[in-house]
Amino acid sequence: MLNYVWISLLLIGIFTAVGRDINDEASNTYRNGIVFNAQYEITGQQTALRPTREIRLRIPASVFNKFYNSTSALSEIDQPAIITTLASGKQK
């Protein structure tokens, strides 16, 4: 009997996850494929041995809230990131 309970809980979890994924894809919750402009500041230098640069990504709260049509960002978003330059010269 206990096995049926666990199997049903597992199936409920799987169906819930798949349903949420389908809903996110259908409504484009995360705005995939839409250009989002942001400012960044280079904080580290690229060298021949290290083809990466450390940057700080800054997004004003008003721009973020307008793009996602929300009011969740109350202050500027400041996120560290790394940009990698490939051998072809393109950034990854």
Foldseek 3Di string as FASTA:
>chain_A
DVVVVVVVVVVVVVVVVVVVVVVCVVVVQVVPPDDQDWDKAWDADADPVRQKTKIKTKDAQVSVCVVNVHNPDPGIDIHIDMWGADPVRDID
